[in-house]
Amino acid sequence: MDHYQVARELIELESTTGNEEPVVAYLEKRLVEMGLEVRSEEVAPGRRNLVAGPQNPALIFCTHTDTVPPYVPLSEDEEFIYGRGACDTKGITACFLAAGERLLSEGLDDFGYLFVVGEEVDNIGAVAANRSVRCGHLVVGEPTENKLALGHKGALGARVKVEGRACHSAYPEEGDSAIHRLLGYLQKVLQADFGNSDLLGPATVNVGGIEGGVAHNVLAPSASAEIMVRVVSDLAGVESRLLECFIDPSTGTLDEKVEVDVTLRMESPEFEKLEGFEETVVFYGTDAPFLRDVGKLVLFGPGSIVDAHTADEKISKAAMDEGVESYVRMGRLLIS
């Protein structure tokens, strides 16, 4: 199998989250051609996961079929293949297929594939697969520069809404600025200690969006912010610490004008070590925390995360070659 060509064909199929079906249909055809039994599970209208291979195999290669927007068309030079999904994760998918073909040629057939939808938004495919798919080891394909990731940070996402009272800005005592109140609380969030890990380092915080107000001469009647904490410790403890940042010091309770809606809870997962592979840690999120019950987790893939989600997303052909060889080695090691 020409893994470069498979990557090219996958990149040419636009598959931003919610529109994964072109890639899913392509992979279904490829897996059937490999002689594998293929099953699909609809997880939302018009959106489905693919599972291929025997029931409860020793090993499953798993990655996602969706990409972030916008679509970036295929291009290529001597060293790299470019385009949306090149490293996240269409190049990895191509390496999975090529490695599987090699393993089958060696008589190693106790493995399968799991391709899920929705990783870039809500992990809907992984959540569904976690209820129905089982194996010995689950190799989750993400760009780790062909190093075995021993961990990645979890995530706590929240949307904070603050209510105020509008008035003329020349007479601020007549109103209550939601923006001013929100900014005060956000300073507490940015200064809070959300934990540290020997493996992953400190938790980090990002205020990724702020909205509110009507004009420069009006106190804001409402405001909101999007917050993301990259978690390295107990998720429940981090959530409690976040809520503490919105306590009204005059009452000792959550400010009645503040509403905190948690939009994402992602634990920091544990990954398996494999002999003979260089190791690393990564800080981005994956489907892995939502696939804990499927099998023992392994996180590995060619490509670099710094190229993902960019206008010049790419994967090197040399990294893809190494990725195929690495996945074959994993198969030999994990398939009994």
C-alpha atoms as a PDB file:
ATOM      1  CA  MET A   1       0.000   0.000   0.000  1.00  0.00           C
ATOM      2  CA  ASP A   2       1.311   3.454  -0.919  1.00  0.00           C
ATOM      3  CA  HIS A   3       0.782   5.362   2.313  1.00  0.00           C
ATOM      4  CA  TYR A   4       1.662   8.664   0.641  1.00  0.00           C
ATOM      5  CA  GLN A   5      -1.121   8.141  -1.889  1.00  0.00           C
ATOM      6  CA  VAL A   6      -3.626   7.176   0.799  1.00  0.00           C
ATOM      7  CA  ALA A   7      -2.757  10.359   2.681  1.00  0.00           C
ATOM      8  CA  ARG A   8      -3.222  12.422  -0.489  1.00  0.00           C
ATOM      9  CA  GLU A   9      -6.616  10.879  -1.174  1.00  0.00           C
ATOM     10  CA  LEU A  10      -7.759  11.440   2.422  1.00  0.00           C
ATOM     11  CA  ILE A  11      -6.640  15.070   2.454  1.00  0.00           C
ATOM     12  CA  GLU A  12      -8.555  15.718  -0.760  1.00  0.00           C
ATOM     13  CA  LEU A  13     -11.758  14.754   1.100  1.00  0.00           C
ATOM     14  CA  GLU A  14     -13.084  17.658   3.163  1.00  0.00           C
ATOM     15  CA  SER A  15     -14.068  16.285   6.573  1.00  0.00           C
ATOM     16  CA  THR A  16     -14.409  19.079   9.094  1.00  0.00           C
ATOM     17  CA  THR A  17     -16.290  18.030  12.221  1.00  0.00           C
ATOM     18  CA  GLY A  18     -19.847  17.036  11.362  1.00  0.00           C
ATOM     19  CA  ASN A  19     -18.928  16.207   7.772  1.00  0.00           C
ATOM     20  CA  GLU A  20     -16.810  13.093   8.352  1.00  0.00           C
ATOM     21  CA  GLU A  21     -18.794  10.783   6.056  1.00  0.00           C
ATOM     22  CA  PRO A  22     -16.635  11.216   2.893  1.00  0.00           C
ATOM     23  CA  VAL A  23     -13.598   9.979   4.826  1.00  0.00           C
ATOM     24  CA  VAL A  24     -15.585   7.289   6.625  1.00  0.00           C
ATOM     25  CA  ALA A  25     -16.879   5.916   3.312  1.00  0.00           C
ATOM     26  CA  TYR A  26     -13.359   5.964   1.840  1.00  0.00           C
ATOM     27  CA  LEU A  27     -11.929   4.076   4.829  1.00  0.00           C
ATOM     28  CA  GLU A  28     -14.769   1.565   4.768  1.00  0.00           C
ATOM     29  CA  LYS A  29     -13.881   0.688   1.179  1.00  0.00           C
ATOM     30  CA  ARG A  30     -10.164   0.424   1.988  1.00  0.00           C
ATOM     31  CA  LEU A  31     -10.760  -1.829   4.999  1.00  0.00           C
ATOM     32  CA  VAL A  32     -12.991  -4.169   2.988  1.00  0.00           C
ATOM     33  CA  GLU A  33     -10.280  -4.360   0.332  1.00  0.00           C
ATOM     34  CA  MET A  34      -7.863  -5.449   3.072  1.00  0.00           C
ATOM     35  CA  GLY A  35     -10.177  -8.388   3.768  1.00  0.00           C
ATOM     36  CA  LEU A  36     -11.365  -7.148   7.159  1.00  0.00           C
ATOM     37  CA  GLU A  37     -14.856  -7.424   8.587  1.00  0.00           C
ATOM     38  CA  VAL A  38     -16.152  -3.870   8.886  1.00  0.00           C
ATOM     39  CA  ARG A  39     -18.925  -2.644  11.183  1.00  0.00           C
ATOM     40  CA  SER A  40     -20.276   0.859  11.632  1.00  0.00           C
ATOM     41  CA  GLU A  41     -22.118   2.571  14.464  1.00  0.00           C
ATOM     42  CA  GLU A  42     -24.183   5.699  13.927  1.00  0.00           C
ATOM     43  CA  VAL A  43     -23.421   8.115  16.769  1.00  0.00           C
ATOM     44  CA  ALA A  44     -25.382  11.101  15.389  1.00  0.00           C
ATOM     45  CA  PRO A  45     -27.579  11.589  12.323  1.00  0.00           C
ATOM     46  CA  GLY A  46     -25.373  11.012   9.267  1.00  0.00           C
ATOM     47  CA  ARG A  47     -22.260  10.443  11.381  1.00  0.00           C
ATOM     48  CA  ARG A  48     -20.776   7.046  12.182  1.00  0.00           C
ATOM     49  CA  ASN A  49     -17.773   5.302  13.688  1.00  0.00           C
ATOM     50  CA  LEU A  50     -16.054   2.442  11.885  1.00  0.00           C
ATOM     51  CA  VAL A  51     -14.799  -0.724  13.583  1.00  0.00           C
ATOM     52  CA  ALA A  52     -12.856  -3.299  11.572  1.00  0.00           C
ATOM     53  CA  GLY A  53     -11.274  -6.650  12.338  1.00  0.00           C
ATOM     54  CA  PRO A  54     -12.088  -9.414  14.825  1.00  0.00           C
ATOM     55  CA  GLN A  55     -14.092  -8.953  18.005  1.00  0.00           C
ATOM     56  CA  ASN A  56     -11.962  -8.136  21.068  1.00  0.00           C
ATOM     57  CA  PRO A  57      -8.570  -8.277  19.313  1.00  0.00           C
ATOM     58  CA  ALA A  58      -5.194  -7.936  20.983  1.00  0.00           C
ATOM     59  CA  LEU A  59      -4.651  -4.567  19.331  1.00  0.00           C
ATOM     60  CA  ILE A  60      -6.722  -1.806  17.763  1.00  0.00           C
ATOM     61  CA  PHE A  61      -5.335   1.166  15.849  1.00  0.00           C
ATOM     62  CA  CYS A  62      -7.567   4.154  16.549  1.00  0.00           C
ATOM     63  CA  THR A  63      -7.814   7.748  15.388  1.00  0.00           C
ATOM     64  CA  HIS A  64     -10.396  10.347  14.362  1.00  0.00           C
ATOM     65  CA  THR A  65     -11.842  11.139  10.962  1.00  0.00           C
ATOM     66  CA  ASP A  66     -12.701  14.800  11.523  1.00  0.00           C
ATOM     67  CA  THR A  67     -10.533  17.887  11.117  1.00  0.00           C
ATOM     68  CA  VAL A  68     -10.757  21.475  12.255  1.00  0.00           C
ATOM     69  CA  PRO A  69     -11.936  24.112   9.766  1.00  0.00           C
ATOM     70  CA  PRO A  70     -11.195  25.625   7.365  1.00  0.00           C
ATOM     71  CA  TYR A  71     -10.435  23.129   4.631  1.00  0.00           C
ATOM     72  CA  VAL A  72      -6.865  23.448   3.308  1.00  0.00           C
ATOM     73  CA  PRO A  73      -6.304  21.797  -0.087  1.00  0.00           C
ATOM     74  CA  LEU A  74      -3.664  19.179  -0.821  1.00  0.00           C
ATOM     75  CA  SER A  75      -0.203  20.249  -1.941  1.00  0.00           C
ATOM     76  CA  GLU A  76       3.160  18.546  -1.898  1.00  0.00           C
ATOM     77  CA  ASP A  77       6.890  18.981  -2.316  1.00  0.00           C
ATOM     78  CA  GLU A  78       9.773  16.563  -2.160  1.00  0.00           C
ATOM     79  CA  GLU A  79       9.820  16.468   1.640  1.00  0.00           C
ATOM     80  CA  PHE A  80       6.269  17.150   2.858  1.00  0.00           C
ATOM     81  CA  ILE A  81       2.596  16.498   2.158  1.00  0.00           C
ATOM     82  CA  TYR A  82       0.465  19.535   3.016  1.00  0.00           C
ATOM     83  CA  GLY A  83      -3.241  20.107   3.613  1.00  0.00           C
ATOM     84  CA  ARG A  84      -5.890  20.015   6.311  1.00  0.00           C
ATOM     85  CA  GLY A  85      -5.483  16.835   8.329  1.00  0.00           C
ATOM     86  CA  ALA A  86      -2.008  16.066   6.971  1.00  0.00           C
ATOM     87  CA  CYS A  87      -0.714  15.374  10.468  1.00  0.00           C
ATOM     88  CA  ASP A  88      -4.003  15.535  12.392  1.00  0.00           C
ATOM     89  CA  THR A  89      -4.688  12.760  11.505  1.00  0.00           C
ATOM     90  CA  LYS A  90      -4.953  11.698   7.852  1.00  0.00           C
ATOM     91  CA  GLY A  91      -1.252  11.015   7.458  1.00  0.00           C
ATOM     92  CA  ILE A  92      -1.422   8.873  10.585  1.00  0.00           C
ATOM     93  CA  THR A  93      -4.465   7.015   9.218  1.00  0.00           C
ATOM     94  CA  ALA A  94      -2.529   6.203   6.052  1.00  0.00           C
ATOM     95  CA  CYS A  95       0.330   4.824   8.172  1.00  0.00           C
ATOM     96  CA  PHE A  96      -2.135   2.696  10.159  1.00  0.00           C
ATOM     97  CA  LEU A  97      -3.468   1.105   6.977  1.00  0.00           C
ATOM     98  CA  ALA A  98      -0.029   0.445   5.512  1.00  0.00           C
ATOM     99  CA  ALA A  99       1.169  -1.093   8.785  1.00  0.00           C
ATOM    100  CA  GLY A 100      -1.927  -3.301   8.958  1.00  0.00           C
ATOM    101  CA  GLU A 101      -1.314  -4.581   5.463  1.00  0.00           C
ATOM    102  CA  ARG A 102       2.246  -5.499   6.495  1.00  0.00           C
ATOM    103  CA  LEU A 103       1.059  -7.288   9.625  1.00  0.00           C
ATOM    104  CA  LEU A 104      -1.479  -9.307   7.651  1.00  0.00           C
ATOM    105  CA  SER A 105       1.242 -10.335   5.207  1.00  0.00           C
ATOM    106  CA  GLU A 106       3.211 -11.680   8.190  1.00  0.00           C
ATOM    107  CA  GLY A 107       0.247 -13.723   9.385  1.00  0.00           C
ATOM    108  CA  LEU A 108      -0.527 -11.398  12.310  1.00  0.00           C
ATOM    109  CA  ASP A 109      -4.261 -10.827  12.159  1.00  0.00           C
ATOM    110  CA  ASP A 110      -5.369 -10.342  15.784  1.00  0.00           C
ATOM    111  CA  PHE A 111      -5.783  -6.598  15.340  1.00  0.00           C
ATOM    112  CA  GLY A 112      -8.360  -4.142  14.131  1.00  0.00           C
ATOM    113  CA  TYR A 113      -9.196  -0.511  13.536  1.00  0.00           C
ATOM    114  CA  LEU A 114     -11.428   2.056  15.195  1.00  0.00           C
ATOM    115  CA  PHE A 115     -12.124   5.327  13.392  1.00  0.00           C
ATOM    116  CA  VAL A 116     -14.238   7.806  15.348  1.00  0.00           C
ATOM    117  CA  VAL A 117     -15.990  11.087  14.603  1.00  0.00           C
ATOM    118  CA  GLY A 118     -15.988  14.330  16.548  1.00  0.00           C
ATOM    119  CA  GLU A 119     -12.613  14.430  18.281  1.00  0.00           C
ATOM    120  CA  GLU A 120     -12.044  18.091  17.466  1.00  0.00           C
ATOM    121  CA  VAL A 121     -15.265  19.267  19.159  1.00  0.00           C
ATOM    122  CA  ASP A 122     -17.007  16.987  21.660  1.00  0.00           C
ATOM    123  CA  ASN A 123     -15.456  13.476  21.418  1.00  0.00           C
ATOM    124  CA  ILE A 124     -18.883  12.062  20.548  1.00  0.00           C
ATOM    125  CA  GLY A 125     -17.435   9.133  18.623  1.00  0.00           C
ATOM    126  CA  ALA A 126     -15.024   8.124  21.362  1.00  0.00           C
ATOM    127  CA  VAL A 127     -17.736   8.262  24.014  1.00  0.00           C
ATOM    128  CA  ALA A 128     -19.889   5.915  21.925  1.00  0.00           C
ATOM    129  CA  ALA A 129     -17.021   3.540  21.152  1.00  0.00           C
ATOM    130  CA  ASN A 130     -16.079   3.335  24.816  1.00  0.00           C
ATOM    131  CA  ARG A 131     -19.396   1.605  25.462  1.00  0.00           C
ATOM    132  CA  SER A 132     -19.084  -1.047  22.766  1.00  0.00           C
ATOM    133  CA  VAL A 133     -15.485  -1.713  21.658  1.00  0.00           C
ATOM    134  CA  ARG A 134     -12.936  -3.797  23.574  1.00  0.00           C
ATOM    135  CA  CYS A 135      -9.343  -4.901  22.915  1.00  0.00           C
ATOM    136  CA  GLY A 136      -6.045  -5.594  24.654  1.00  0.00           C
ATOM    137  CA  HIS A 137      -4.182  -2.439  23.648  1.00  0.00           C
ATOM    138  CA  LEU A 138      -5.599   0.631  21.921  1.00  0.00           C
ATOM    139  CA  VAL A 139      -3.024   2.621  19.938  1.00  0.00           C
ATOM    140  CA  VAL A 140      -4.398   6.155  19.661  1.00  0.00           C
ATOM    141  CA  GLY A 141      -2.904   7.950  16.675  1.00  0.00           C
ATOM    142  CA  GLU A 142      -2.014  11.610  17.229  1.00  0.00           C
ATOM    143  CA  PRO A 143       1.068  13.582  16.152  1.00  0.00           C
ATOM    144  CA  THR A 144       3.714  12.843  18.818  1.00  0.00           C
ATOM    145  CA  GLU A 145       6.763  13.076  16.521  1.00  0.00           C
ATOM    146  CA  ASN A 146       7.035   9.277  16.527  1.00  0.00           C
ATOM    147  CA  LYS A 147       7.618   9.187  20.262  1.00  0.00           C
ATOM    148  CA  LEU A 148       5.623   7.243  22.814  1.00  0.00           C
ATOM    149  CA  ALA A 149       3.610   9.733  24.880  1.00  0.00           C
ATOM    150  CA  LEU A 150       3.478   8.799  28.554  1.00  0.00           C
ATOM    151  CA  GLY A 151       0.807  11.344  29.379  1.00  0.00           C
ATOM    152  CA  HIS A 152      -1.126  14.394  28.337  1.00  0.00           C
ATOM    153  CA  LYS A 153      -2.919  17.089  30.258  1.00  0.00           C
ATOM    154  CA  GLY A 154      -6.616  16.885  30.901  1.00  0.00           C
ATOM    155  CA  ALA A 155      -8.968  19.808  30.404  1.00  0.00           C
ATOM    156  CA  LEU A 156     -11.706  21.684  32.200  1.00  0.00           C
ATOM    157  CA  GLY A 157     -13.683  24.071  30.039  1.00  0.00           C
ATOM    158  CA  ALA A 158     -16.184  26.563  31.423  1.00  0.00           C
ATOM    159  CA  ARG A 159     -18.342  29.449  30.251  1.00  0.00           C
ATOM    160  CA  VAL A 160     -18.838  32.164  32.830  1.00  0.00           C
ATOM    161  CA  LYS A 161     -21.829  34.511  32.566  1.00  0.00           C
ATOM    162  CA  VAL A 162     -22.172  37.663  34.663  1.00  0.00           C
ATOM    163  CA  GLU A 163     -25.257  39.834  35.007  1.00  0.00           C
ATOM    164  CA  GLY A 164     -25.003  43.564  35.748  1.00  0.00           C
ATOM    165  CA  ARG A 165     -27.186  46.636  35.540  1.00  0.00           C
ATOM    166  CA  ALA A 166     -26.872  49.195  32.740  1.00  0.00           C
ATOM    167  CA  CYS A 167     -26.656  52.922  33.359  1.00  0.00           C
ATOM    168  CA  HIS A 168     -24.974  56.038  31.956  1.00  0.00           C
ATOM    169  CA  SER A 169     -21.228  55.691  32.399  1.00  0.00           C
ATOM    170  CA  ALA A 170     -21.027  59.238  33.806  1.00  0.00           C
ATOM    171  CA  TYR A 171     -22.987  58.015  36.838  1.00  0.00           C
ATOM    172  CA  PRO A 172     -21.566  54.534  37.547  1.00  0.00           C
ATOM    173  CA  GLU A 173     -23.047  54.464  41.047  1.00  0.00           C
ATOM    174  CA  GLU A 174     -26.450  54.004  39.385  1.00  0.00           C
ATOM    175  CA  GLY A 175     -25.494  50.702  37.773  1.00  0.00           C
ATOM    176  CA  ASP A 176     -23.324  47.631  38.037  1.00  0.00           C
ATOM    177  CA  SER A 177     -20.885  46.826  35.232  1.00  0.00           C
ATOM    178  CA  ALA A 178     -20.894  43.119  34.390  1.00  0.00           C
ATOM    179  CA  ILE A 179     -17.622  43.589  32.524  1.00  0.00           C
ATOM    180  CA  HIS A 180     -15.856  45.150  35.517  1.00  0.00           C
ATOM    181  CA  ARG A 181     -17.167  42.400  37.792  1.00  0.00           C
ATOM    182  CA  LEU A 182     -16.095  39.690  35.309  1.00  0.00           C
ATOM    183  CA  LEU A 183     -12.595  41.142  34.874  1.00  0.00           C
ATOM    184  CA  GLY A 184     -12.092  41.119  38.632  1.00  0.00           C
ATOM    185  CA  TYR A 185     -12.993  37.450  38.844  1.00  0.00           C
ATOM    186  CA  LEU A 186     -10.898  36.540  35.805  1.00  0.00           C
ATOM    187  CA  GLN A 187      -7.837  38.008  37.523  1.00  0.00           C
ATOM    188  CA  LYS A 188      -8.431  35.530  40.352  1.00  0.00           C
ATOM    189  CA  VAL A 189      -8.685  32.686  37.815  1.00  0.00           C
ATOM    190  CA  LEU A 190      -5.429  33.681  36.116  1.00  0.00           C
ATOM    191  CA  GLN A 191      -3.620  33.878  39.462  1.00  0.00           C
ATOM    192  CA  ALA A 192      -5.027  30.632  40.891  1.00  0.00           C
ATOM    193  CA  ASP A 193      -2.914  27.528  41.481  1.00  0.00           C
ATOM    194  CA  PHE A 194      -4.588  24.620  39.697  1.00  0.00           C
ATOM    195  CA  GLY A 195      -1.902  22.073  40.508  1.00  0.00           C
ATOM    196  CA  ASN A 196       1.390  20.668  39.318  1.00  0.00           C
ATOM    197  CA  SER A 197       2.608  17.279  38.130  1.00  0.00           C
ATOM    198  CA  ASP A 198       6.088  15.766  38.081  1.00  0.00           C
ATOM    199  CA  LEU A 199       5.299  14.316  34.654  1.00  0.00           C
ATOM    200  CA  LEU A 200       3.269  17.089  33.015  1.00  0.00           C
ATOM    201  CA  GLY A 201       4.374  20.238  34.821  1.00  0.00           C
ATOM    202  CA  PRO A 202       1.975  22.961  35.965  1.00  0.00           C
ATOM    203  CA  ALA A 203      -1.645  23.346  34.983  1.00  0.00           C
ATOM    204  CA  THR A 204      -2.190  26.257  32.609  1.00  0.00           C
ATOM    205  CA  VAL A 205      -5.146  28.608  32.156  1.00  0.00           C
ATOM    206  CA  ASN A 206      -6.455  30.392  29.090  1.00  0.00           C
ATOM    207  CA  VAL A 207      -9.273  32.923  28.838  1.00  0.00           C
ATOM    208  CA  GLY A 208     -10.131  32.233  25.219  1.00  0.00           C
ATOM    209  CA  GLY A 209     -13.003  34.629  24.653  1.00  0.00           C
ATOM    210  CA  ILE A 210     -14.790  37.560  26.264  1.00  0.00           C
ATOM    211  CA  GLU A 211     -18.120  39.088  25.233  1.00  0.00           C
ATOM    212  CA  GLY A 212     -20.319  41.780  26.708  1.00  0.00           C
ATOM    213  CA  GLY A 213     -21.440  45.365  26.864  1.00  0.00           C
ATOM    214  CA  VAL A 214     -23.294  47.654  24.479  1.00  0.00           C
ATOM    215  CA  ALA A 215     -21.294  50.909  24.196  1.00  0.00           C
ATOM    216  CA  HIS A 216     -18.384  52.797  25.743  1.00  0.00           C
ATOM    217  CA  ASN A 217     -20.720  55.158  27.569  1.00  0.00           C
ATOM    218  CA  VAL A 218     -22.961  52.470  29.111  1.00  0.00           C
ATOM    219  CA  LEU A 219     -22.167  50.192  32.025  1.00  0.00           C
ATOM    220  CA  ALA A 220     -22.375  46.636  30.702  1.00  0.00           C
ATOM    221  CA  PRO A 221     -25.603  44.813  31.609  1.00  0.00           C
ATOM    222  CA  SER A 222     -24.048  41.400  30.880  1.00  0.00           C
ATOM    223  CA  ALA A 223     -20.719  39.772  30.038  1.00  0.00           C
ATOM    224  CA  SER A 224     -19.303  36.300  29.549  1.00  0.00           C
ATOM    225  CA  ALA A 225     -15.987  34.532  29.155  1.00  0.00           C
ATOM    226  CA  GLU A 226     -14.694  31.169  27.935  1.00  0.00           C
ATOM    227  CA  ILE A 227     -12.092  29.557  30.200  1.00  0.00           C
ATOM    228  CA  MET A 228      -9.896  26.504  29.667  1.00  0.00           C
ATOM    229  CA  VAL A 229      -7.757  24.925  32.371  1.00  0.00           C
ATOM    230  CA  ARG A 230      -5.228  22.340  31.172  1.00  0.00           C
ATOM    231  CA  VAL A 231      -5.483  19.874  34.054  1.00  0.00           C
ATOM    232  CA  VAL A 232      -2.599  17.868  35.567  1.00  0.00           C
ATOM    233  CA  SER A 233      -4.257  16.741  38.810  1.00  0.00           C
ATOM    234  CA  ASP A 234      -7.624  15.642  40.194  1.00  0.00           C
ATOM    235  CA  LEU A 235     -10.319  17.026  37.890  1.00  0.00           C
ATOM    236  CA  ALA A 236     -12.909  17.453  40.660  1.00  0.00           C
ATOM    237  CA  GLY A 237     -10.412  19.395  42.740  1.00  0.00           C
ATOM    238  CA  VAL A 238      -9.615  21.689  39.826  1.00  0.00           C
ATOM    239  CA  GLU A 239     -13.324  22.324  39.256  1.00  0.00           C
ATOM    240  CA  SER A 240     -13.795  23.232  42.926  1.00  0.00           C
ATOM    241  CA  ARG A 241     -10.798  25.566  42.777  1.00  0.00           C
ATOM    242  CA  LEU A 242     -12.252  27.291  39.704  1.00  0.00           C
ATOM    243  CA  LEU A 243     -15.597  27.848  41.415  1.00  0.00           C
ATOM    244  CA  GLU A 244     -13.791  29.346  44.416  1.00  0.00           C
ATOM    245  CA  CYS A 245     -12.544  32.123  42.141  1.00  0.00           C
ATOM    246  CA  PHE A 246     -16.135  33.369  41.794  1.00  0.00           C
ATOM    247  CA  ILE A 247     -17.000  33.563  45.485  1.00  0.00           C
ATOM    248  CA  ASP A 248     -18.372  36.914  46.621  1.00  0.00           C
ATOM    249  CA  PRO A 249     -16.144  37.955  49.540  1.00  0.00           C
ATOM    250  CA  SER A 250     -19.053  39.748  51.191  1.00  0.00           C
ATOM    251  CA  THR A 251     -21.134  36.550  51.453  1.00  0.00           C
ATOM    252  CA  GLY A 252     -18.579  33.755  51.251  1.00  0.00           C
ATOM    253  CA  THR A 253     -20.714  32.041  48.589  1.00  0.00           C
ATOM    254  CA  LEU A 254     -20.802  31.986  44.804  1.00  0.00           C
ATOM    255  CA  ASP A 255     -21.701  35.449  43.532  1.00  0.00           C
ATOM    256  CA  GLU A 256     -25.427  35.396  42.777  1.00  0.00           C
ATOM    257  CA  LYS A 257     -24.791  37.444  39.641  1.00  0.00           C
ATOM    258  CA  VAL A 258     -22.388  34.821  38.265  1.00  0.00           C
ATOM    259  CA  GLU A 259     -23.255  31.574  36.487  1.00  0.00           C
ATOM    260  CA  VAL A 260     -20.497  29.022  35.760  1.00  0.00           C
ATOM    261  CA  ASP A 261     -21.368  26.346  33.193  1.00  0.00           C
ATOM    262  CA  VAL A 262     -18.797  23.559  32.826  1.00  0.00           C
ATOM    263  CA  THR A 263     -18.613  22.684  29.123  1.00  0.00           C
ATOM    264  CA  LEU A 264     -15.799  20.110  29.125  1.00  0.00           C
ATOM    265  CA  ARG A 265     -14.425  17.628  31.619  1.00  0.00           C
ATOM    266  CA  MET A 266     -11.410  15.610  30.411  1.00  0.00           C
ATOM    267  CA  GLU A 267      -9.292  13.618  32.846  1.00  0.00           C
ATOM    268  CA  SER A 268      -5.542  13.358  32.335  1.00  0.00           C
ATOM    269  CA  PRO A 269      -5.133   9.770  31.069  1.00  0.00           C
ATOM    270  CA  GLU A 270      -2.463   7.192  31.830  1.00  0.00           C
ATOM    271  CA  PHE A 271      -0.614   5.548  28.939  1.00  0.00           C
ATOM    272  CA  GLU A 272       1.326   2.318  28.578  1.00  0.00           C
ATOM    273  CA  LYS A 273       5.084   2.087  28.121  1.00  0.00           C
ATOM    274  CA  LEU A 274       6.449  -0.089  25.319  1.00  0.00           C
ATOM    275  CA  GLU A 275      10.001  -1.341  25.167  1.00  0.00           C
ATOM    276  CA  GLY A 276      12.205   0.148  22.491  1.00  0.00           C
ATOM    277  CA  PHE A 277      10.345   3.421  21.859  1.00  0.00           C
ATOM    278  CA  GLU A 278      11.552   6.921  22.648  1.00  0.00           C
ATOM    279  CA  GLU A 279       9.261   8.628  25.166  1.00  0.00           C
ATOM    280  CA  THR A 280       7.732  12.075  25.565  1.00  0.00           C
ATOM    281  CA  VAL A 281       4.788  13.921  27.098  1.00  0.00           C
ATOM    282  CA  VAL A 282       2.295  16.136  25.264  1.00  0.00           C
ATOM    283  CA  PHE A 283       0.029  18.906  26.516  1.00  0.00           C
ATOM    284  CA  TYR A 284      -2.853  18.813  24.046  1.00  0.00           C
ATOM    285  CA  GLY A 285      -6.042  16.787  24.455  1.00  0.00           C
ATOM    286  CA  THR A 286      -7.037  13.612  22.606  1.00  0.00           C
ATOM    287  CA  ASP A 287      -9.851  11.077  22.494  1.00  0.00           C
ATOM    288  CA  ALA A 288      -7.876   8.839  24.858  1.00  0.00           C
ATOM    289  CA  PRO A 289      -9.566   9.900  28.148  1.00  0.00           C
ATOM    290  CA  PHE A 290     -12.918   8.964  26.627  1.00  0.00           C
ATOM    291  CA  LEU A 291     -11.651   5.521  25.523  1.00  0.00           C
ATOM    292  CA  ARG A 292     -10.426   4.262  28.893  1.00  0.00           C
ATOM    293  CA  ASP A 293     -12.610   1.149  28.900  1.00  0.00           C
ATOM    294  CA  VAL A 294     -11.679   0.000  25.390  1.00  0.00           C
ATOM    295  CA  GLY A 295      -8.173  -1.240  26.226  1.00  0.00           C
ATOM    296  CA  LYS A 296      -4.770  -0.289  27.589  1.00  0.00           C
ATOM    297  CA  LEU A 297      -3.936   3.069  26.048  1.00  0.00           C
ATOM    298  CA  VAL A 298      -0.931   3.825  23.846  1.00  0.00           C
ATOM    299  CA  LEU A 299      -0.455   7.304  22.305  1.00  0.00           C
ATOM    300  CA  PHE A 300       1.840   7.527  19.284  1.00  0.00           C
ATOM    301  CA  GLY A 301       2.021   8.992  15.806  1.00  0.00           C
ATOM    302  CA  PRO A 302       4.122  10.696  13.158  1.00  0.00           C
ATOM    303  CA  GLY A 303       3.951  14.456  12.648  1.00  0.00           C
ATOM    304  CA  SER A 304       4.181  17.423  14.996  1.00  0.00           C
ATOM    305  CA  ILE A 305       1.329  19.057  16.876  1.00  0.00           C
ATOM    306  CA  VAL A 306       2.801  22.494  16.121  1.00  0.00           C
ATOM    307  CA  ASP A 307       1.854  21.930  12.457  1.00  0.00           C
ATOM    308  CA  ALA A 308      -1.719  20.859  13.260  1.00  0.00           C
ATOM    309  CA  HIS A 309      -4.584  23.361  12.884  1.00  0.00           C
ATOM    310  CA  THR A 310      -2.389  25.759  10.894  1.00  0.00           C
ATOM    311  CA  ALA A 311      -2.743  27.136   7.366  1.00  0.00           C
ATOM    312  CA  ASP A 312       0.417  25.219   6.435  1.00  0.00           C
ATOM    313  CA  GLU A 313      -0.418  21.907   8.112  1.00  0.00           C
ATOM    314  CA  LYS A 314       1.993  19.246   6.923  1.00  0.00           C
ATOM    315  CA  ILE A 315       3.604  15.880   7.580  1.00  0.00           C
ATOM    316  CA  SER A 316       6.989  14.765   6.366  1.00  0.00           C
ATOM    317  CA  LYS A 317       7.278  11.677   4.205  1.00  0.00           C
ATOM    318  CA  ALA A 318      10.237  10.511   6.293  1.00  0.00           C
ATOM    319  CA  ALA A 319       8.106  10.719   9.450  1.00  0.00           C
ATOM    320  CA  MET A 320       5.367   8.712   7.729  1.00  0.00           C
ATOM    321  CA  ASP A 321       7.883   6.029   6.742  1.00  0.00           C
ATOM    322  CA  GLU A 322       9.073   5.845  10.346  1.00  0.00           C
ATOM    323  CA  GLY A 323       5.471   5.781  11.541  1.00  0.00           C
ATOM    324  CA  VAL A 324       4.628   2.748   9.412  1.00  0.00           C
ATOM    325  CA  GLU A 325       7.671   0.874  10.710  1.00  0.00           C
ATOM    326  CA  SER A 326       6.830   1.823  14.301  1.00  0.00           C
ATOM    327  CA  TYR A 327       3.233   0.631  14.029  1.00  0.00           C
ATOM    328  CA  VAL A 328       4.454  -2.669  12.544  1.00  0.00           C
ATOM    329  CA  ARG A 329       6.835  -3.062  15.498  1.00  0.00           C
ATOM    330  CA  MET A 330       3.971  -2.368  17.893  1.00  0.00           C
ATOM    331  CA  GLY A 331       1.887  -4.999  16.156  1.00  0.00           C
ATOM    332  CA  ARG A 332       4.613  -7.609  16.444  1.00  0.00           C
ATOM    333  CA  LEU A 333       5.044  -6.742  20.113  1.00  0.00           C
ATOM    334  CA  LEU A 334       1.387  -6.640  21.132  1.00  0.00           C
ATOM    335  CA  ILE A 335      -0.230  -9.305  18.937  1.00  0.00           C
ATOM    336  CA  SER A 336       0.229 -12.699  20.536  1.00  0.00           C
END
